[in-house]
C-alpha cells in the first residue's frame, strides 16, 4: 500500500482520507469485493480556533460556513 506524501501540515485531512481509503480498498480486495474510493471529509461545526496557523480549515458553528486561515484572516469558502 503506497500512501502519497504531502508537503504541508495542513494536508493532514487528505493524508488521513487517503490512508483510510487505501486500507478499505485493500480489505475489499482481500474479501473479493470491488474496490472504490470515497473522497469526502466531514467537518463538525466549532467556534473559531484561538491560535490558527496558515491552511487551518474548520466549519464555523455560527455561520455554518467552511473557513480557512490564510495566515492573516479567516476566509469563507462560499
N, C-alpha and C. Protein backbone atom coordinates (compact mmCIF):
# COMPACT_ATOMS: atom_id res chain seq x y z
N UNK A 1 0.86 -1.17 0.00
CA UNK A 1 0.00 0.00 0.00
C UNK A 1 0.91 1.23 0.00
N UNK A 2 0.74 2.10 -1.00
CA UNK A 2 1.52 3.32 -1.09
C UNK A 2 0.66 4.50 -0.71
N UNK A 3 1.14 5.30 0.23
CA UNK A 3 0.42 6.50 0.66
C UNK A 3 1.21 7.71 0.17
N UNK A 4 0.57 8.61 -0.59
CA UNK A 4 1.30 9.77 -1.09
C UNK A 4 1.77 10.69 0.03
N UNK A 5 2.85 11.40 -0.22
CA UNK A 5 3.41 12.33 0.75
C UNK A 5 2.94 13.74 0.40
N UNK A 6 2.68 14.54 1.41
CA UNK A 6 2.23 15.91 1.22
C UNK A 6 3.24 16.86 1.83
N UNK A 7 3.34 18.06 1.29
CA UNK A 7 4.38 18.98 1.69
C UNK A 7 4.02 19.87 2.86
N UNK A 8 2.72 20.04 3.14
CA UNK A 8 2.32 20.96 4.20
C UNK A 8 1.57 20.21 5.28
N UNK A 9 1.72 20.66 6.52
CA UNK A 9 1.00 20.01 7.62
C UNK A 9 -0.50 20.21 7.49
N UNK A 10 -0.93 21.23 6.73
CA UNK A 10 -2.37 21.46 6.55
C UNK A 10 -2.99 20.41 5.63
N UNK A 11 -2.16 19.55 5.03
CA UNK A 11 -2.66 18.49 4.15
C UNK A 11 -3.06 17.23 4.93
N UNK A 12 -3.05 17.29 6.26
CA UNK A 12 -3.33 16.09 7.05
C UNK A 12 -4.71 15.49 6.79
N UNK A 13 -5.78 16.28 6.53
CA UNK A 13 -7.06 15.63 6.27
C UNK A 13 -7.00 14.75 5.01
N UNK A 14 -6.33 15.21 3.97
CA UNK A 14 -6.20 14.42 2.75
C UNK A 14 -5.35 13.19 3.01
N UNK A 15 -4.27 13.33 3.79
CA UNK A 15 -3.40 12.20 4.11
C UNK A 15 -4.17 11.13 4.86
N UNK A 16 -4.97 11.54 5.85
CA UNK A 16 -5.79 10.58 6.61
C UNK A 16 -6.82 9.91 5.71
N UNK A 17 -7.51 10.71 4.88
CA UNK A 17 -8.51 10.15 3.97
C UNK A 17 -7.88 9.16 3.00
N UNK A 18 -6.70 9.49 2.45
CA UNK A 18 -6.01 8.59 1.53
C UNK A 18 -5.63 7.29 2.22
N UNK A 19 -5.14 7.38 3.46
CA UNK A 19 -4.75 6.18 4.19
C UNK A 19 -5.95 5.29 4.48
N UNK A 20 -7.06 5.89 4.90
CA UNK A 20 -8.27 5.12 5.19
C UNK A 20 -8.81 4.48 3.92
N UNK A 21 -8.85 5.25 2.83
CA UNK A 21 -9.34 4.71 1.57
C UNK A 21 -8.47 3.56 1.07
N UNK A 22 -7.14 3.71 1.19
CA UNK A 22 -6.23 2.65 0.75
C UNK A 22 -6.45 1.38 1.58
N UNK A 23 -6.61 1.53 2.88
CA UNK A 23 -6.84 0.37 3.74
C UNK A 23 -8.17 -0.30 3.42
N UNK A 24 -9.22 0.52 3.26
CA UNK A 24 -10.52 -0.04 2.93
C UNK A 24 -10.48 -0.77 1.59
N UNK A 25 -9.83 -0.20 0.60
CA UNK A 25 -9.73 -0.84 -0.70
C UNK A 25 -8.96 -2.16 -0.62
N UNK A 26 -7.91 -2.20 0.20
CA UNK A 26 -7.13 -3.43 0.39
C UNK A 26 -8.00 -4.52 1.03
N UNK A 27 -8.77 -4.16 2.05
CA UNK A 27 -9.66 -5.12 2.71
C UNK A 27 -10.72 -5.62 1.74
N UNK A 28 -11.31 -4.72 0.97
CA UNK A 28 -12.32 -5.12 -0.01
C UNK A 28 -11.73 -6.07 -1.06
N UNK A 29 -10.50 -5.79 -1.49
CA UNK A 29 -9.84 -6.65 -2.48
C UNK A 29 -9.60 -8.04 -1.89
N UNK A 30 -9.14 -8.09 -0.64
CA UNK A 30 -8.90 -9.37 0.02
C UNK A 30 -10.19 -10.16 0.19
N UNK A 31 -11.30 -9.46 0.39
CA UNK A 31 -12.59 -10.12 0.57
C UNK A 31 -13.30 -10.40 -0.76
N UNK A 32 -12.67 -9.97 -1.86
CA UNK A 32 -13.26 -10.21 -3.17
C UNK A 32 -14.28 -9.18 -3.59
N UNK A 33 -14.40 -8.09 -2.86
CA UNK A 33 -15.36 -7.04 -3.21
C UNK A 33 -14.68 -6.05 -4.16
N UNK A 34 -15.48 -5.27 -4.84
CA UNK A 34 -14.96 -4.25 -5.73
C UNK A 34 -14.40 -3.09 -4.92
N UNK A 35 -13.17 -2.67 -5.26
CA UNK A 35 -12.54 -1.56 -4.55
C UNK A 35 -13.11 -0.23 -5.04
N UNK A 36 -13.24 0.71 -4.14
CA UNK A 36 -13.68 2.05 -4.50
C UNK A 36 -13.10 3.05 -3.52
N UNK A 37 -13.12 4.31 -3.88
CA UNK A 37 -12.59 5.38 -3.04
C UNK A 37 -13.69 6.39 -2.75
N UNK A 38 -13.80 6.77 -1.49
CA UNK A 38 -14.75 7.79 -1.08
C UNK A 38 -13.96 9.07 -0.82
N UNK A 39 -14.26 10.12 -1.54
CA UNK A 39 -13.49 11.36 -1.43
C UNK A 39 -14.26 12.41 -0.64
N UNK A 40 -14.56 12.14 0.62
CA UNK A 40 -15.28 13.11 1.44
C UNK A 40 -14.60 13.29 2.79
N UNK A 41 -14.75 14.47 3.32
CA UNK A 41 -14.31 14.79 4.68
C UNK A 41 -15.48 15.53 5.32
N UNK A 42 -15.87 15.14 6.53
CA UNK A 42 -16.97 15.78 7.22
C UNK A 42 -16.42 16.62 8.37
N UNK A 43 -16.83 17.90 8.42
CA UNK A 43 -16.40 18.80 9.48
C UNK A 43 -17.54 18.99 10.47
N UNK A 44 -17.24 18.93 11.76
CA UNK A 44 -18.20 19.22 12.81
C UNK A 44 -18.07 20.70 13.16
N UNK A 45 -19.19 21.46 13.16
CA UNK A 45 -19.11 22.89 13.47
C UNK A 45 -18.50 23.15 14.85
N UNK A 46 -17.57 24.12 14.89
CA UNK A 46 -16.92 24.53 16.14
C UNK A 46 -16.77 26.05 16.15
N UNK A 47 -16.35 26.60 17.28
CA UNK A 47 -16.04 28.03 17.38
C UNK A 47 -14.70 28.29 16.69
N UNK A 48 -14.47 29.53 16.30
CA UNK A 48 -13.22 29.90 15.62
C UNK A 48 -12.02 29.53 16.50
N UNK A 49 -11.05 28.80 15.96
CA UNK A 49 -9.86 28.43 16.73
C UNK A 49 -9.09 29.66 17.22
N UNK A 50 -8.58 29.58 18.43
CA UNK A 50 -7.91 30.73 19.06
C UNK A 50 -6.52 30.99 18.50
N UNK A 51 -5.78 29.97 18.14
CA UNK A 51 -4.40 30.14 17.64
C UNK A 51 -4.26 29.49 16.27
N UNK A 52 -4.84 30.11 15.23
CA UNK A 52 -4.81 29.48 13.91
C UNK A 52 -3.43 29.53 13.26
N UNK A 53 -3.18 28.57 12.36
CA UNK A 53 -1.98 28.58 11.54
C UNK A 53 -2.43 28.56 10.08
N UNK A 54 -1.61 29.06 9.19
CA UNK A 54 -1.96 29.14 7.78
C UNK A 54 -2.36 27.77 7.24
N UNK A 55 -3.50 27.73 6.55
CA UNK A 55 -4.01 26.49 5.96
C UNK A 55 -5.02 25.78 6.84
N UNK A 56 -5.17 26.20 8.11
CA UNK A 56 -6.13 25.56 9.00
C UNK A 56 -7.54 25.79 8.48
N UNK A 57 -8.36 24.75 8.47
CA UNK A 57 -9.73 24.83 7.98
C UNK A 57 -10.67 24.29 9.04
N UNK A 58 -11.83 24.94 9.19
CA UNK A 58 -12.83 24.48 10.15
C UNK A 58 -14.22 24.88 9.67
N UNK A 59 -15.26 24.26 10.25
CA UNK A 59 -16.65 24.61 9.97
C UNK A 59 -17.13 25.50 11.11
N UNK A 60 -17.49 26.75 10.78
CA UNK A 60 -17.91 27.72 11.78
C UNK A 60 -19.28 27.35 12.35
N UNK A 61 -19.39 27.28 13.68
CA UNK A 61 -20.65 26.86 14.32
C UNK A 61 -21.72 27.95 14.28
N UNK A 62 -21.34 29.20 14.02
CA UNK A 62 -22.32 30.28 13.94
C UNK A 62 -22.85 30.48 12.53
N UNK A 63 -21.94 30.63 11.57
CA UNK A 63 -22.34 30.88 10.18
C UNK A 63 -22.57 29.60 9.39
N UNK A 64 -22.09 28.47 9.92
CA UNK A 64 -22.17 27.17 9.24
C UNK A 64 -21.47 27.20 7.88
N UNK A 65 -20.37 27.96 7.82
CA UNK A 65 -19.56 28.04 6.61
C UNK A 65 -18.20 27.42 6.88
N UNK A 66 -17.65 26.79 5.85
CA UNK A 66 -16.31 26.27 5.91
C UNK A 66 -15.35 27.44 5.74
N UNK A 67 -14.35 27.55 6.64
CA UNK A 67 -13.44 28.70 6.62
C UNK A 67 -11.99 28.22 6.68
N UNK A 68 -11.10 28.94 6.00
CA UNK A 68 -9.67 28.62 6.00
C UNK A 68 -8.87 29.86 6.36
N UNK A 69 -7.84 29.66 7.18
CA UNK A 69 -6.99 30.76 7.60
C UNK A 69 -5.86 30.92 6.59
N UNK A 70 -5.71 32.14 6.04
CA UNK A 70 -4.70 32.37 5.01
C UNK A 70 -3.39 32.92 5.58
N UNK A 71 -3.24 32.90 6.87
CA UNK A 71 -2.04 33.42 7.53
C UNK A 71 -2.28 34.79 8.15
N UNK A 72 -3.37 35.46 7.69
CA UNK A 72 -3.71 36.78 8.21
C UNK A 72 -5.15 36.84 8.68
N UNK A 73 -6.08 36.35 7.86
CA UNK A 73 -7.52 36.39 8.18
C UNK A 73 -8.19 35.07 7.80
N UNK A 74 -9.38 34.88 8.36
CA UNK A 74 -10.20 33.73 8.01
C UNK A 74 -10.96 34.05 6.73
N UNK A 75 -10.98 33.13 5.77
CA UNK A 75 -11.68 33.30 4.51
C UNK A 75 -12.80 32.27 4.40
N UNK A 76 -14.02 32.74 4.08
CA UNK A 76 -15.14 31.83 3.85
C UNK A 76 -14.97 31.14 2.50
N UNK A 77 -15.44 29.89 2.42
CA UNK A 77 -15.36 29.16 1.15
C UNK A 77 -16.54 29.44 0.24
N UNK A 78 -17.59 30.06 0.73
CA UNK A 78 -18.71 30.49 -0.12
C UNK A 78 -19.44 31.63 0.54
